[in-house]
C-alpha cells in the first residue's frame, strides 16, 4: 500500500510538472495497462485521514485491489464517513 501511494503521488507530480503529458505516457513508461495506472493514480485523491486509517489497518492495506474498487468521492468528509464503515 505504501509503495502504491508513493508511486501515485510521484506520477501526479510528473503530470503536474509537465514531465509526462498523460496517464497513457506513464502507463507506457511503467509497462502497465493504462486502466491500472488510472486506478492507482486515484489514490492521490484520498483524504489524509483515510490514508492514515488504511496504513494503520494491515488487513485493508494488504488488499490494494479492494481499496481501488471502492467509491472515492472527492469530498474528504464524505470519504471519511464511507471508509469508516
Protein backbone atom coordinates (compact mmCIF):
# COMPACT_ATOMS: atom_id res chain seq x y z
CA UNK A 1 0.00 0.00 0.00
CA UNK A 2 2.77 2.44 0.91
CA UNK A 3 4.57 1.79 -2.37
CA UNK A 4 1.37 2.30 -4.37
CA UNK A 5 0.59 5.57 -2.58
CA UNK A 6 4.12 6.83 -3.17
CA UNK A 7 4.04 5.81 -6.82
CA UNK A 8 0.68 7.51 -7.37
CA UNK A 9 1.92 10.77 -5.86
CA UNK A 10 5.12 10.57 -7.90
CA UNK A 11 3.12 10.11 -11.09
CA UNK A 12 0.88 13.02 -10.17
CA UNK A 13 3.96 15.20 -9.69
CA UNK A 14 5.25 14.14 -13.12
CA UNK A 15 1.93 15.21 -14.64
CA UNK A 16 1.77 18.46 -12.66
CA UNK A 17 5.30 19.44 -13.65
CA UNK A 18 4.70 18.56 -17.31
CA UNK A 19 7.36 15.85 -17.34
CA UNK A 20 4.66 13.44 -18.50
CA UNK A 21 1.75 14.61 -20.61
CA UNK A 22 -0.81 11.88 -19.99
CA UNK A 23 -1.58 8.87 -17.85
CA UNK A 24 -1.09 6.81 -21.00
CA UNK A 25 2.52 8.07 -21.15
CA UNK A 26 3.07 6.96 -17.57
CA UNK A 27 1.50 3.57 -18.25
CA UNK A 28 3.77 3.07 -21.25
CA UNK A 29 6.83 4.06 -19.22
CA UNK A 30 5.87 1.69 -16.39
CA UNK A 31 4.82 -1.05 -18.83
CA UNK A 32 1.39 -1.41 -17.25
CA UNK A 33 -2.15 -1.12 -18.55
CA UNK A 34 -3.46 2.45 -18.69
CA UNK A 35 -6.52 1.39 -16.69
CA UNK A 36 -4.32 0.17 -13.84
CA UNK A 37 -2.33 3.42 -13.93
CA UNK A 38 -5.56 5.42 -13.70
CA UNK A 39 -6.79 3.34 -10.79
CA UNK A 40 -3.53 3.77 -8.90
CA UNK A 41 -3.48 7.50 -9.61
CA UNK A 42 -6.87 7.79 -7.89
CA UNK A 43 -5.04 7.11 -4.60
CA UNK A 44 -3.85 10.72 -4.72
CA UNK A 45 -7.45 11.81 -4.14
CA UNK A 46 -7.75 10.11 -0.76
CA UNK A 47 -8.16 12.26 2.34
CA UNK A 48 -5.18 12.18 4.69
CA UNK A 49 -7.29 10.64 7.46
CA UNK A 50 -8.34 7.84 5.09
CA UNK A 51 -4.71 7.19 4.15
CA UNK A 52 -3.77 7.08 7.83
CA UNK A 53 -6.57 4.60 8.53
CA UNK A 54 -5.57 2.41 5.59
CA UNK A 55 -1.95 2.32 6.68
CA UNK A 56 -2.95 1.57 10.27
CA UNK A 57 -5.15 -1.36 9.20
CA UNK A 58 -2.91 -4.02 7.68
CA UNK A 59 -5.86 -6.18 6.58
CA UNK A 60 -7.15 -3.43 4.28
CA UNK A 61 -3.73 -2.17 3.26
CA UNK A 62 -2.62 -5.62 2.13
CA UNK A 63 -5.56 -5.90 -0.25
CA UNK A 64 -4.88 -2.93 -2.52
CA UNK A 65 -7.41 -4.18 -5.05
CA UNK A 66 -10.26 -3.77 -2.56
CA UNK A 67 -9.18 -0.19 -1.91
CA UNK A 68 -9.02 0.65 -5.61
CA UNK A 69 -12.50 -0.74 -6.24
CA UNK A 70 -14.20 1.37 -3.57
CA UNK A 71 -16.05 4.58 -4.26
CA UNK A 72 -13.79 7.61 -3.89
CA UNK A 73 -15.83 10.79 -3.64
CA UNK A 74 -13.74 13.95 -3.93
CA UNK A 75 -15.06 15.42 -0.68
CA UNK A 76 -12.75 14.35 2.16
CA UNK A 77 -15.52 14.40 4.78
CA UNK A 78 -17.63 12.06 2.69
CA UNK A 79 -14.62 9.81 2.19
CA UNK A 80 -14.05 9.66 5.93
CA UNK A 81 -17.66 8.58 6.52
CA UNK A 82 -17.66 5.99 3.72
CA UNK A 83 -14.31 4.50 4.64
CA UNK A 84 -15.11 4.22 8.34
CA UNK A 85 -17.97 1.81 7.63
